[in-house]
Every structure is written in structure tokens, then in C-alpha cells.
Amino acid sequence: MATGDRPADDGPDLGGSPPSDPGDTPPYQRGTHDPVVDSVWLRHRPPPPPRPRGVPRLTTVLLIAAFVAVLVLYLVVRPGG
């Protein structure tokens, strides 16, 4: 390459200025939320009303009943018994 010849612009610019920055994100402000995030998940919900002490939930009763049914079934049809 003779003096005064410029290299072809085939690759990245290694010695030039950095590409222009599109801009920084705005600073976080309390009380705002990202519009991409669904606001239903960010809403505060009131706690459920207190349950009377000693009354189990329906799901707890169903899980106990399923466990007892499987245990009884195992005892009835177990091999060797």
C-alpha cells in the first residue's frame, strides 16, 4: 500500500469514535411501574379474613382423605398380605 492510500472499510472501526449512545433509561421514580409488567401482579391485596381457629381448609381435608384412601388401598391389595 502506498502512502496516501486508504484501507478498504471492511471491518469494524478500531480507532474511531465510539458509536453514538441512544440515551440512558430515565431514573427510577417511586410509585411508577413499567408499562410492560401487568399491574395486577403489583397491586397490594388485603389479607384474607381470619378463619376460626381449628377449622381446617377444604384442601387440607381432601389431601388427608386421599392419603388415607391410598393407605387403605395399599393395606388391602399389598403383595403377601
PDB file of N, CA and C in Angstrom:
ATOM      1  N   MET A   1       0.860  -1.152   0.000  1.00  0.00           N
ATOM      2  CA  MET A   1       0.000   0.000   0.000  1.00  0.00           C
ATOM      3  C   MET A   1       0.911   1.221   0.000  1.00  0.00           C
ATOM      4  N   ALA A   2       0.685   2.101  -0.882  1.00  0.00           N
ATOM      5  CA  ALA A   2       1.495   3.309  -0.986  1.00  0.00           C
ATOM      6  C   ALA A   2       0.998   4.346  -0.012  1.00  0.00           C
ATOM      7  N   THR A   3       1.841   5.312   0.287  1.00  0.00           N
ATOM      8  CA  THR A   3       1.419   6.378   1.195  1.00  0.00           C
ATOM      9  C   THR A   3       0.273   7.143   0.572  1.00  0.00           C
ATOM     10  N   GLY A   4      -0.680   7.484   1.376  1.00  0.00           N
ATOM     11  CA  GLY A   4      -1.839   8.202   0.886  1.00  0.00           C
ATOM     12  C   GLY A   4      -2.996   7.300   0.526  1.00  0.00           C
ATOM     13  N   ASP A   5      -2.741   5.991   0.368  1.00  0.00           N
ATOM     14  CA  ASP A   5      -3.836   5.064   0.095  1.00  0.00           C
ATOM     15  C   ASP A   5      -4.576   4.747   1.394  1.00  0.00           C
ATOM     16  N   ARG A   6      -5.848   4.666   1.301  1.00  0.00           N
ATOM     17  CA  ARG A   6      -6.653   4.363   2.482  1.00  0.00           C
ATOM     18  C   ARG A   6      -7.078   2.902   2.413  1.00  0.00           C
ATOM     19  N   PRO A   7      -7.081   2.208   3.549  1.00  0.00           N
ATOM     20  CA  PRO A   7      -7.542   0.811   3.531  1.00  0.00           C
ATOM     21  C   PRO A   7      -9.043   0.758   3.267  1.00  0.00           C
ATOM     22  N   ALA A   8      -9.469  -0.362   2.749  1.00  0.00           N
ATOM     23  CA  ALA A   8     -10.898  -0.552   2.490  1.00  0.00           C
ATOM     24  C   ALA A   8     -11.635  -0.633   3.823  1.00  0.00           C
ATOM     25  N   ASP A   9     -12.851  -0.176   3.837  1.00  0.00           N
ATOM     26  CA  ASP A   9     -13.646  -0.189   5.062  1.00  0.00           C
ATOM     27  C   ASP A   9     -14.378  -1.525   5.165  1.00  0.00           C
ATOM     28  N   ASP A  10     -13.605  -2.590   5.458  1.00  0.00           N
ATOM     29  CA  ASP A  10     -14.182  -3.936   5.515  1.00  0.00           C
ATOM     30  C   ASP A  10     -14.572  -4.360   6.921  1.00  0.00           C
ATOM     31  N   GLY A  11     -13.920  -3.849   7.919  1.00  0.00           N
ATOM     32  CA  GLY A  11     -14.147  -4.342   9.271  1.00  0.00           C
ATOM     33  C   GLY A  11     -14.620  -3.245  10.186  1.00  0.00           C
ATOM     34  N   PRO A  12     -14.619  -3.557  11.468  1.00  0.00           N
ATOM     35  CA  PRO A  12     -15.069  -2.569  12.441  1.00  0.00           C
ATOM     36  C   PRO A  12     -14.056  -1.437  12.550  1.00  0.00           C
ATOM     37  N   ASP A  13     -14.527  -0.308  12.929  1.00  0.00           N
ATOM     38  CA  ASP A  13     -13.675   0.860  13.090  1.00  0.00           C
ATOM     39  C   ASP A  13     -12.957   0.727  14.423  1.00  0.00           C
ATOM     40  N   LEU A  14     -11.645   0.471  14.377  1.00  0.00           N
ATOM     41  CA  LEU A  14     -10.897   0.213  15.601  1.00  0.00           C
ATOM     42  C   LEU A  14     -10.352   1.487  16.222  1.00  0.00           C
ATOM     43  N   GLY A  15     -10.174   2.532  15.470  1.00  0.00           N
ATOM     44  CA  GLY A  15      -9.548   3.695  16.033  1.00  0.00           C
ATOM     45  C   GLY A  15     -10.451   4.910  16.055  1.00  0.00           C
ATOM     46  N   GLY A  16     -11.653   4.791  15.614  1.00  0.00           N
ATOM     47  CA  GLY A  16     -12.546   5.945  15.519  1.00  0.00           C
ATOM     48  C   GLY A  16     -13.290   6.193  16.803  1.00  0.00           C
ATOM     49  N   SER A  17     -14.250   7.074  16.726  1.00  0.00           N
ATOM     50  CA  SER A  17     -15.061   7.397  17.894  1.00  0.00           C
ATOM     51  C   SER A  17     -16.087   6.287  18.130  1.00  0.00           C
ATOM     52  N   PRO A  18     -16.479   6.091  19.396  1.00  0.00           N
ATOM     53  CA  PRO A  18     -17.475   5.042  19.678  1.00  0.00           C
ATOM     54  C   PRO A  18     -18.816   5.417  19.062  1.00  0.00           C
ATOM     55  N   PRO A  19     -19.646   4.422  18.811  1.00  0.00           N
ATOM     56  CA  PRO A  19     -20.960   4.722  18.243  1.00  0.00           C
ATOM     57  C   PRO A  19     -21.767   5.584  19.206  1.00  0.00           C
ATOM     58  N   SER A  20     -22.652   6.365  18.651  1.00  0.00           N
ATOM     59  CA  SER A  20     -23.445   7.252  19.492  1.00  0.00           C
ATOM     60  C   SER A  20     -24.392   6.439  20.376  1.00  0.00           C
ATOM     61  N   ASP A  21     -24.531   6.889  21.611  1.00  0.00           N
ATOM     62  CA  ASP A  21     -25.378   6.216  22.595  1.00  0.00           C
ATOM     63  C   ASP A  21     -26.827   6.650  22.367  1.00  0.00           C
ATOM     64  N   PRO A  22     -27.784   5.690  22.282  1.00  0.00           N
ATOM     65  CA  PRO A  22     -29.166   6.082  22.038  1.00  0.00           C
ATOM     66  C   PRO A  22     -29.780   6.825  23.224  1.00  0.00           C
ATOM     67  N   GLY A  23     -29.125   6.799  24.360  1.00  0.00           N
ATOM     68  CA  GLY A  23     -29.656   7.502  25.531  1.00  0.00           C
ATOM     69  C   GLY A  23     -29.841   6.550  26.691  1.00  0.00           C
ATOM     70  N   ASP A  24     -29.694   7.073  27.864  1.00  0.00           N
ATOM     71  CA  ASP A  24     -29.879   6.250  29.058  1.00  0.00           C
ATOM     72  C   ASP A  24     -31.356   6.161  29.399  1.00  0.00           C
ATOM     73  N   THR A  25     -31.675   5.130  30.171  1.00  0.00           N
ATOM     74  CA  THR A  25     -33.048   4.995  30.641  1.00  0.00           C
ATOM     75  C   THR A  25     -33.305   6.046  31.699  1.00  0.00           C
ATOM     76  N   PRO A  26     -34.525   6.529  31.834  1.00  0.00           N
ATOM     77  CA  PRO A  26     -34.801   7.548  32.848  1.00  0.00           C
ATOM     78  C   PRO A  26     -34.627   6.963  34.242  1.00  0.00           C
ATOM     79  N   PRO A  27     -34.290   7.776  35.216  1.00  0.00           N
ATOM     80  CA  PRO A  27     -34.101   7.253  36.577  1.00  0.00           C
ATOM     81  C   PRO A  27     -35.412   6.725  37.142  1.00  0.00           C
ATOM     82  N   TYR A  28     -35.283   5.768  38.066  1.00  0.00           N
ATOM     83  CA  TYR A  28     -36.457   5.158  38.696  1.00  0.00           C
ATOM     84  C   TYR A  28     -37.149   6.179  39.576  1.00  0.00           C
ATOM     85  N   GLN A  29     -38.454   6.252  39.457  1.00  0.00           N
ATOM     86  CA  GLN A  29     -39.246   7.127  40.312  1.00  0.00           C
ATOM     87  C   GLN A  29     -40.185   6.254  41.127  1.00  0.00           C
ATOM     88  N   ARG A  30     -40.199   6.489  42.426  1.00  0.00           N
ATOM     89  CA  ARG A  30     -41.029   5.678  43.311  1.00  0.00           C
ATOM     90  C   ARG A  30     -42.505   5.869  42.967  1.00  0.00           C
ATOM     91  N   GLY A  31     -43.231   4.778  42.957  1.00  0.00           N
ATOM     92  CA  GLY A  31     -44.662   4.846  42.689  1.00  0.00           C
ATOM     93  C   GLY A  31     -45.001   4.618  41.226  1.00  0.00           C
ATOM     94  N   THR A  32     -44.005   4.467  40.395  1.00  0.00           N
ATOM     95  CA  THR A  32     -44.279   4.195  38.988  1.00  0.00           C
ATOM     96  C   THR A  32     -43.940   2.740  38.707  1.00  0.00           C
ATOM     97  N   HIS A  33     -44.470   2.219  37.651  1.00  0.00           N
ATOM     98  CA  HIS A  33     -44.162   0.852  37.270  1.00  0.00           C
ATOM     99  C   HIS A  33     -43.939   0.786  35.770  1.00  0.00           C
ATOM    100  N   ASP A  34     -43.299  -0.270  35.377  1.00  0.00           N
ATOM    101  CA  ASP A  34     -43.005  -0.494  33.967  1.00  0.00           C
ATOM    102  C   ASP A  34     -44.311  -0.836  33.253  1.00  0.00           C
ATOM    103  N   PRO A  35     -44.639  -0.178  32.159  1.00  0.00           N
ATOM    104  CA  PRO A  35     -45.906  -0.476  31.482  1.00  0.00           C
ATOM    105  C   PRO A  35     -45.924  -1.865  30.861  1.00  0.00           C
ATOM    106  N   VAL A  36     -44.761  -2.495  30.740  1.00  0.00           N
ATOM    107  CA  VAL A  36     -44.712  -3.845  30.180  1.00  0.00           C
ATOM    108  C   VAL A  36     -45.220  -4.865  31.202  1.00  0.00           C
ATOM    109  N   VAL A  37     -45.008  -4.587  32.487  1.00  0.00           N
ATOM    110  CA  VAL A  37     -45.409  -5.502  33.549  1.00  0.00           C
ATOM    111  C   VAL A  37     -46.890  -5.321  33.824  1.00  0.00           C
ATOM    112  N   ASP A  38     -47.601  -6.424  33.944  1.00  0.00           N
ATOM    113  CA  ASP A  38     -49.033  -6.371  34.217  1.00  0.00           C
ATOM    114  C   ASP A  38     -49.260  -5.814  35.616  1.00  0.00           C
ATOM    115  N   SER A  39     -50.068  -4.802  35.747  1.00  0.00           N
ATOM    116  CA  SER A  39     -50.241  -4.122  37.022  1.00  0.00           C
ATOM    117  C   SER A  39     -51.014  -4.954  38.035  1.00  0.00           C
ATOM    118  N   VAL A  40     -51.695  -6.005  37.596  1.00  0.00           N
ATOM    119  CA  VAL A  40     -52.449  -6.841  38.532  1.00  0.00           C
ATOM    120  C   VAL A  40     -51.506  -7.510  39.522  1.00  0.00           C
ATOM    121  N   TRP A  41     -50.322  -7.906  39.074  1.00  0.00           N
ATOM    122  CA  TRP A  41     -49.364  -8.581  39.944  1.00  0.00           C
ATOM    123  C   TRP A  41     -48.720  -7.604  40.923  1.00  0.00           C
ATOM    124  N   LEU A  42     -48.744  -6.326  40.638  1.00  0.00           N
ATOM    125  CA  LEU A  42     -48.098  -5.348  41.505  1.00  0.00           C
ATOM    126  C   LEU A  42     -49.036  -4.778  42.553  1.00  0.00           C
ATOM    127  N   ARG A  43     -50.318  -5.020  42.403  1.00  0.00           N
ATOM    128  CA  ARG A  43     -51.302  -4.440  43.308  1.00  0.00           C
ATOM    129  C   ARG A  43     -51.246  -5.139  44.664  1.00  0.00           C
ATOM    130  N   HIS A  44     -51.367  -4.365  45.730  1.00  0.00           N
ATOM    131  CA  HIS A  44     -51.411  -4.944  47.073  1.00  0.00           C
ATOM    132  C   HIS A  44     -52.833  -5.395  47.358  1.00  0.00           C
ATOM    133  N   ARG A  45     -52.959  -6.612  47.815  1.00  0.00           N
ATOM    134  CA  ARG A  45     -54.280  -7.150  48.138  1.00  0.00           C
ATOM    135  C   ARG A  45     -54.439  -7.185  49.650  1.00  0.00           C
ATOM    136  N   PRO A  46     -55.649  -6.977  50.117  1.00  0.00           N
ATOM    137  CA  PRO A  46     -55.854  -7.066  51.568  1.00  0.00           C
ATOM    138  C   PRO A  46     -55.722  -8.523  52.010  1.00  0.00           C
ATOM    139  N   PRO A  47     -55.288  -8.748  53.236  1.00  0.00           N
ATOM    140  CA  PRO A  47     -55.166 -10.129  53.707  1.00  0.00           C
ATOM    141  C   PRO A  47     -56.538 -10.790  53.787  1.00  0.00           C
ATOM    142  N   PRO A  48     -56.588 -12.113  53.648  1.00  0.00           N
ATOM    143  CA  PRO A  48     -57.885 -12.792  53.741  1.00  0.00           C
ATOM    144  C   PRO A  48     -58.448 -12.648  55.158  1.00  0.00           C
ATOM    145  N   PRO A  49     -59.764 -12.762  55.278  1.00  0.00           N
ATOM    146  CA  PRO A  49     -60.348 -12.630  56.626  1.00  0.00           C
ATOM    147  C   PRO A  49     -59.866 -13.767  57.516  1.00  0.00           C
ATOM    148  N   PRO A  50     -59.758 -13.501  58.798  1.00  0.00           N
ATOM    149  CA  PRO A  50     -59.276 -14.555  59.709  1.00  0.00           C
ATOM    150  C   PRO A  50     -60.257 -15.718  59.770  1.00  0.00           C
ATOM    151  N   ARG A  51     -59.692 -16.928  59.812  1.00  0.00           N
ATOM    152  CA  ARG A  51     -60.512 -18.133  59.906  1.00  0.00           C
ATOM    153  C   ARG A  51     -60.670 -18.504  61.374  1.00  0.00           C
ATOM    154  N   PRO A  52     -61.795 -19.100  61.715  1.00  0.00           N
ATOM    155  CA  PRO A  52     -61.951 -19.566  63.096  1.00  0.00           C
ATOM    156  C   PRO A  52     -60.874 -20.606  63.412  1.00  0.00           C
ATOM    157  N   ARG A  53     -60.336 -20.539  64.602  1.00  0.00           N
ATOM    158  CA  ARG A  53     -59.269 -21.458  64.994  1.00  0.00           C
ATOM    159  C   ARG A  53     -59.805 -22.881  65.039  1.00  0.00           C
ATOM    160  N   GLY A  54     -59.058 -23.805  64.442  1.00  0.00           N
ATOM    161  CA  GLY A  54     -59.424 -25.211  64.487  1.00  0.00           C
ATOM    162  C   GLY A  54     -60.216 -25.693  63.286  1.00  0.00           C
ATOM    163  N   VAL A  55     -60.624 -24.817  62.379  1.00  0.00           N
ATOM    164  CA  VAL A  55     -61.366 -25.230  61.196  1.00  0.00           C
ATOM    165  C   VAL A  55     -60.365 -25.398  60.057  1.00  0.00           C
ATOM    166  N   PRO A  56     -60.156 -26.645  59.587  1.00  0.00           N
ATOM    167  CA  PRO A  56     -59.175 -26.851  58.518  1.00  0.00           C
ATOM    168  C   PRO A  56     -59.726 -26.398  57.164  1.00  0.00           C
ATOM    169  N   ARG A  57     -58.824 -26.109  56.266  1.00  0.00           N
ATOM    170  CA  ARG A  57     -59.226 -25.760  54.903  1.00  0.00           C
ATOM    171  C   ARG A  57     -59.740 -26.992  54.185  1.00  0.00           C
ATOM    172  N   LEU A  58     -60.522 -26.765  53.146  1.00  0.00           N
ATOM    173  CA  LEU A  58     -61.068 -27.869  52.357  1.00  0.00           C
ATOM    174  C   LEU A  58     -59.944 -28.666  51.700  1.00  0.00           C
ATOM    175  N   THR A  59     -58.913 -27.973  51.199  1.00  0.00           N
ATOM    176  CA  THR A  59     -57.812 -28.686  50.539  1.00  0.00           C
ATOM    177  C   THR A  59     -57.078 -29.589  51.522  1.00  0.00           C
ATOM    178  N   THR A  60     -56.957 -29.162  52.779  1.00  0.00           N
ATOM    179  CA  THR A  60     -56.302 -29.995  53.786  1.00  0.00           C
ATOM    180  C   THR A  60     -57.111 -31.267  54.034  1.00  0.00           C
ATOM    181  N   VAL A  61     -58.414 -31.121  54.121  1.00  0.00           N
ATOM    182  CA  VAL A  61     -59.285 -32.285  54.343  1.00  0.00           C
ATOM    183  C   VAL A  61     -59.199 -33.237  53.149  1.00  0.00           C
ATOM    184  N   LEU A  62     -59.195 -32.697  51.935  1.00  0.00           N
ATOM    185  CA  LEU A  62     -59.120 -33.550  50.743  1.00  0.00           C
ATOM    186  C   LEU A  62     -57.779 -34.274  50.656  1.00  0.00           C
ATOM    187  N   LEU A  63     -56.687 -33.616  50.998  1.00  0.00           N
ATOM    188  CA  LEU A  63     -55.382 -34.281  50.976  1.00  0.00           C
ATOM    189  C   LEU A  63     -55.300 -35.397  52.012  1.00  0.00           C
ATOM    190  N   ILE A  64     -55.841 -35.162  53.193  1.00  0.00           N
ATOM    191  CA  ILE A  64     -55.840 -36.203  54.225  1.00  0.00           C
ATOM    192  C   ILE A  64     -56.695 -37.385  53.780  1.00  0.00           C
ATOM    193  N   ALA A  65     -57.862 -37.109  53.184  1.00  0.00           N
ATOM    194  CA  ALA A  65     -58.732 -38.190  52.711  1.00  0.00           C
ATOM    195  C   ALA A  65     -58.043 -38.986  51.599  1.00  0.00           C
ATOM    196  N   ALA A  66     -57.363 -38.326  50.687  1.00  0.00           N
ATOM    197  CA  ALA A  66     -56.658 -39.037  49.616  1.00  0.00           C
ATOM    198  C   ALA A  66     -55.537 -39.897  50.186  1.00  0.00           C
ATOM    199  N   PHE A  67     -54.801 -39.383  51.155  1.00  0.00           N
ATOM    200  CA  PHE A  67     -53.724 -40.157  51.766  1.00  0.00           C
ATOM    201  C   PHE A  67     -54.272 -41.393  52.480  1.00  0.00           C
ATOM    202  N   VAL A  68     -55.344 -41.233  53.227  1.00  0.00           N
ATOM    203  CA  VAL A  68     -55.946 -42.370  53.939  1.00  0.00           C
ATOM    204  C   VAL A  68     -56.476 -43.394  52.937  1.00  0.00           C
ATOM    205  N   ALA A  69     -57.087 -42.955  51.844  1.00  0.00           N
ATOM    206  CA  ALA A  69     -57.611 -43.879  50.833  1.00  0.00           C
ATOM    207  C   ALA A  69     -56.476 -44.675  50.190  1.00  0.00           C
ATOM    208  N   VAL A  70     -55.370 -44.030  49.875  1.00  0.00           N
ATOM    209  CA  VAL A  70     -54.226 -44.741  49.274  1.00  0.00           C
ATOM    210  C   VAL A  70     -53.627 -45.710  50.289  1.00  0.00           C
ATOM    211  N   LEU A  71     -53.542 -45.332  51.545  1.00  0.00           N
ATOM    212  CA  LEU A  71     -53.002 -46.218  52.578  1.00  0.00           C
ATOM    213  C   LEU A  71     -53.891 -47.446  52.761  1.00  0.00           C
ATOM    214  N   VAL A  72     -55.191 -47.249  52.811  1.00  0.00           N
ATOM    215  CA  VAL A  72     -56.121 -48.382  52.960  1.00  0.00           C
ATOM    216  C   VAL A  72     -56.036 -49.280  51.731  1.00  0.00           C
ATOM    217  N   LEU A  73     -55.991 -48.690  50.541  1.00  0.00           N
ATOM    218  CA  LEU A  73     -55.872 -49.484  49.323  1.00  0.00           C
ATOM    219  C   LEU A  73     -54.591 -50.309  49.328  1.00  0.00           C
ATOM    220  N   TYR A  74     -53.494 -49.730  49.794  1.00  0.00           N
ATOM    221  CA  TYR A  74     -52.230 -50.458  49.863  1.00  0.00           C
ATOM    222  C   TYR A  74     -52.348 -51.626  50.858  1.00  0.00           C
ATOM    223  N   LEU A  75     -52.956 -51.384  52.003  1.00  0.00           N
ATOM    224  CA  LEU A  75     -53.073 -52.456  53.001  1.00  0.00           C
ATOM    225  C   LEU A  75     -53.965 -53.585  52.500  1.00  0.00           C
ATOM    226  N   VAL A  76     -54.950 -53.283  51.673  1.00  0.00           N
ATOM    227  CA  VAL A  76     -55.868 -54.307  51.186  1.00  0.00           C
ATOM    228  C   VAL A  76     -55.234 -55.130  50.083  1.00  0.00           C
ATOM    229  N   VAL A  77     -54.534 -54.503  49.156  1.00  0.00           N
ATOM    230  CA  VAL A  77     -54.051 -55.239  47.976  1.00  0.00           C
ATOM    231  C   VAL A  77     -52.531 -55.435  47.957  1.00  0.00           C
ATOM    232  N   ARG A  78     -51.868 -55.225  49.084  1.00  0.00           N
ATOM    233  CA  ARG A  78     -50.400 -55.371  49.086  1.00  0.00           C
ATOM    234  C   ARG A  78     -50.026 -56.837  48.853  1.00  0.00           C
ATOM    235  N   PRO A  79     -48.900 -57.026  48.188  1.00  0.00           N
ATOM    236  CA  PRO A  79     -48.461 -58.399  47.954  1.00  0.00           C
ATOM    237  C   PRO A  79     -48.064 -59.106  49.262  1.00  0.00           C
ATOM    238  N   GLY A  80     -48.467 -60.327  49.408  1.00  0.00           N
ATOM    239  CA  GLY A  80     -48.114 -61.130  50.593  1.00  0.00           C
ATOM    240  C   GLY A  80     -48.985 -60.830  51.796  1.00  0.00           C
ATOM    241  N   GLY A  81     -50.035 -60.100  51.632  1.00  0.00           N
ATOM    242  CA  GLY A  81     -50.795 -59.765  52.812  1.00  0.00           C
ATOM    243  C   GLY A  81     -52.231 -59.983  52.622  1.00  0.00           C
TER     244      GLY A  81
END
